[in-house]
């Protein structure tokens, strides 16, 4: 006699396991829930930070996971102007009945008065189209300057020729 036991389960992952925030900044990590061995139903997803001081949205949400399916949740993690610089851990836990799994996201809140200017990757991505224009623009300006210098040199050469002819 053989008995087959199927354990219905799920997996939880985060797209970003580490984030850096300035006070007052918000960043997102995508939480992915994957059905394993046919688990389906409602999962309660909750998040908390340790130490306290970070905002999390949503702090709690019910997600419906289909058999063999995948569900996504975008978790906004934000600091306020009064969030102390330092290291924080965000614990995201998903529960279905008696089965629970969690993922940690490490957060560093930096002090803006220390060090140089920081540009978040999300904001840098917005600048990239303009930065790629700099090389052609610089080349064009260099071309214009080159033409202007050549024209000035030609003008001076003509003046020198006229001066020499006038002296003869």
Protein backbone atom coordinates (compact mmCIF):
# COMPACT_ATOMS: atom_id res chain seq x y z
CA UNK A 1 0.00 0.00 0.00
CA UNK A 2 1.34 3.41 -0.90
CA UNK A 3 0.17 6.78 0.24
CA UNK A 4 0.81 9.94 -1.74
CA UNK A 5 0.89 13.11 0.26
CA UNK A 6 0.71 16.40 -1.62
CA UNK A 7 1.71 19.43 0.39
CA UNK A 8 0.13 22.54 -1.01
CA UNK A 9 2.47 25.45 -0.53
CA UNK A 10 3.56 28.81 -1.92
CA UNK A 11 6.74 30.83 -2.32
CA UNK A 12 7.27 34.53 -1.55
CA UNK A 13 10.02 36.66 -3.11
CA UNK A 14 10.87 40.36 -3.34
CA UNK A 15 12.26 42.10 -6.43
CA UNK A 16 14.61 44.22 -4.31
CA UNK A 17 16.14 42.82 -1.14
CA UNK A 18 18.07 45.99 -0.31
CA UNK A 19 17.11 49.67 -0.65
CA UNK A 20 18.63 53.02 0.26
CA UNK A 21 16.34 55.92 1.15
CA UNK A 22 16.81 59.58 1.91
CA UNK A 23 14.47 61.08 4.53
CA UNK A 24 11.13 61.76 2.86
CA UNK A 25 11.80 59.38 -0.06
CA UNK A 26 9.62 56.45 -1.23
CA UNK A 27 10.84 53.32 -3.05
CA UNK A 28 8.93 50.21 -4.14
CA UNK A 29 9.71 46.52 -4.10
CA UNK A 30 7.50 44.01 -5.87
CA UNK A 31 6.38 41.03 -3.82
CA UNK A 32 5.71 37.86 -5.84
CA UNK A 33 3.60 34.98 -4.51
CA UNK A 34 3.82 31.69 -6.42
CA UNK A 35 1.49 28.70 -5.96
CA UNK A 36 3.28 25.37 -5.42
CA UNK A 37 1.60 21.95 -5.64
CA UNK A 38 -1.84 23.41 -6.32
CA UNK A 39 -2.25 25.81 -3.41
CA UNK A 40 -5.04 28.31 -4.03
CA UNK A 41 -7.08 30.74 -2.00
CA UNK A 42 -6.61 33.92 -0.05
CA UNK A 43 -3.22 34.80 1.39
CA UNK A 44 -2.84 37.50 3.99
CA UNK A 45 0.26 39.57 3.30
CA UNK A 46 1.47 41.83 6.11
CA UNK A 47 4.57 43.97 6.49
CA UNK A 48 6.36 45.58 9.41
CA UNK A 49 9.64 47.38 9.99
CA UNK A 50 12.20 46.91 12.72
CA UNK A 51 13.06 49.21 14.27
CA UNK A 52 9.88 51.18 13.73
CA UNK A 53 10.12 54.39 11.73
CA UNK A 54 9.43 53.41 8.12
CA UNK A 55 6.08 53.70 6.41
CA UNK A 56 4.74 50.68 4.52
CA UNK A 57 1.88 50.71 2.05
CA UNK A 58 -0.02 48.47 2.14
CA UNK A 59 0.77 47.32 5.67
CA UNK A 60 -1.67 44.42 5.20
CA UNK A 61 -3.54 43.05 2.19
CA UNK A 62 -5.44 39.93 1.18
CA UNK A 63 -4.29 38.44 -2.13
CA UNK A 64 -6.17 35.73 -4.04
CA UNK A 65 -3.73 33.14 -5.41
CA UNK A 66 -4.98 30.77 -8.13
CA UNK A 67 -3.87 27.12 -8.41
CA UNK A 68 -0.50 27.09 -10.16
CA UNK A 69 -0.64 30.87 -10.44
CA UNK A 70 1.42 33.89 -9.54
CA UNK A 71 0.22 37.04 -7.76
CA UNK A 72 2.02 40.36 -7.35
CA UNK A 73 1.93 43.12 -4.77
CA UNK A 74 3.80 46.41 -5.00
CA UNK A 75 5.01 47.41 -1.53
CA UNK A 76 5.86 51.10 -1.05
CA UNK A 77 8.52 51.70 1.60
CA UNK A 78 8.97 55.29 2.70
CA UNK A 79 10.75 57.37 5.27
CA UNK A 80 9.45 60.60 6.69
CA UNK A 81 11.42 63.73 7.47
CA UNK A 82 11.67 62.48 11.06
CA UNK A 83 12.91 58.97 10.19
CA UNK A 84 16.30 58.55 11.83
CA UNK A 85 19.21 57.61 9.55
CA UNK A 86 20.28 54.00 10.02
CA UNK A 87 19.54 50.42 9.09
CA UNK A 88 16.04 48.95 9.10
CA UNK A 89 14.57 45.56 8.21
CA UNK A 90 11.17 45.17 6.60
CA UNK A 91 9.56 41.79 7.18
CA UNK A 92 6.92 40.81 4.61
CA UNK A 93 4.93 37.75 5.73
CA UNK A 94 2.33 35.85 3.70
CA UNK A 95 -0.01 33.38 5.40
CA UNK A 96 -2.43 30.82 3.99
CA UNK A 97 -4.16 28.82 6.72
CA UNK A 98 -1.36 27.38 8.85
CA UNK A 99 1.36 27.94 6.24
CA UNK A 100 3.46 31.11 6.53
CA UNK A 101 6.51 32.32 4.63
CA UNK A 102 8.40 35.58 4.83
CA UNK A 103 11.02 37.66 3.07
CA UNK A 104 13.23 40.40 4.53
CA UNK A 105 14.12 43.65 2.78
CA UNK A 106 17.09 45.58 4.20
CA UNK A 107 16.67 49.35 4.22
CA UNK A 108 19.35 51.97 4.80
CA UNK A 109 18.15 55.50 5.51
CA UNK A 110 21.01 57.89 4.80
CA UNK A 111 21.71 61.28 6.30
CA UNK A 112 21.53 63.83 3.46
CA UNK A 113 23.96 66.15 5.25
CA UNK A 114 26.77 63.56 5.10
CA UNK A 115 28.72 63.03 1.89
CA UNK A 116 28.02 64.31 -1.59
CA UNK A 117 24.91 64.47 -3.67
CA UNK A 118 23.05 61.22 -4.13
CA UNK A 119 20.88 60.57 -7.18
CA UNK A 120 18.53 57.64 -6.86
CA UNK A 121 18.70 55.16 -9.72
CA UNK A 122 15.04 55.83 -10.55
CA UNK A 123 15.79 59.53 -11.01
CA UNK A 124 18.99 58.84 -12.95
CA UNK A 125 16.97 56.74 -15.39
CA UNK A 126 14.93 59.88 -16.15
CA UNK A 127 18.13 61.78 -17.02
CA UNK A 128 19.60 59.14 -19.34
CA UNK A 129 17.83 60.29 -22.54
CA UNK A 130 19.25 63.79 -21.98
CA UNK A 131 22.72 62.50 -21.12
CA UNK A 132 22.87 60.51 -24.35
CA UNK A 133 22.21 63.75 -26.24
CA UNK A 134 25.29 65.40 -24.73
CA UNK A 135 27.80 63.67 -27.00
CA UNK A 136 26.12 64.72 -30.29
CA UNK A 137 25.48 68.22 -28.94
CA UNK A 138 29.09 68.54 -27.79
CA UNK A 139 30.30 67.33 -31.18
CA UNK A 140 28.03 69.83 -32.95
CA UNK A 141 29.25 72.69 -30.75
CA UNK A 142 32.84 71.62 -31.43
CA UNK A 143 32.10 71.67 -35.16
CA UNK A 144 30.62 75.18 -34.91
CA UNK A 145 33.61 76.43 -32.92
CA UNK A 146 35.95 74.86 -35.50
CA UNK A 147 34.13 76.61 -38.37
CA UNK A 148 34.16 79.91 -36.48
CA UNK A 149 37.91 79.63 -35.85
CA UNK A 150 38.58 78.75 -39.48
CA UNK A 151 36.46 81.69 -40.65
CA UNK A 152 38.30 84.02 -38.26
CA UNK A 153 41.69 82.72 -39.47
CA UNK A 154 40.62 83.21 -43.11
CA UNK A 155 39.42 86.76 -42.34
CA UNK A 156 42.71 87.62 -40.61
CA UNK A 157 44.69 86.14 -43.49
CA UNK A 158 42.71 88.28 -45.96
CA UNK A 159 43.31 91.41 -43.84
CA UNK A 160 47.04 90.65 -43.77
CA UNK A 161 47.02 90.18 -47.56
CA UNK A 162 45.21 93.50 -48.06
CA UNK A 163 47.60 95.24 -45.68
CA UNK A 164 50.60 93.87 -47.57
CA UNK A 165 49.11 94.94 -50.91
CA UNK A 166 48.38 98.43 -49.57
CA UNK A 167 51.97 98.82 -48.35
CA UNK A 168 53.45 97.95 -51.77
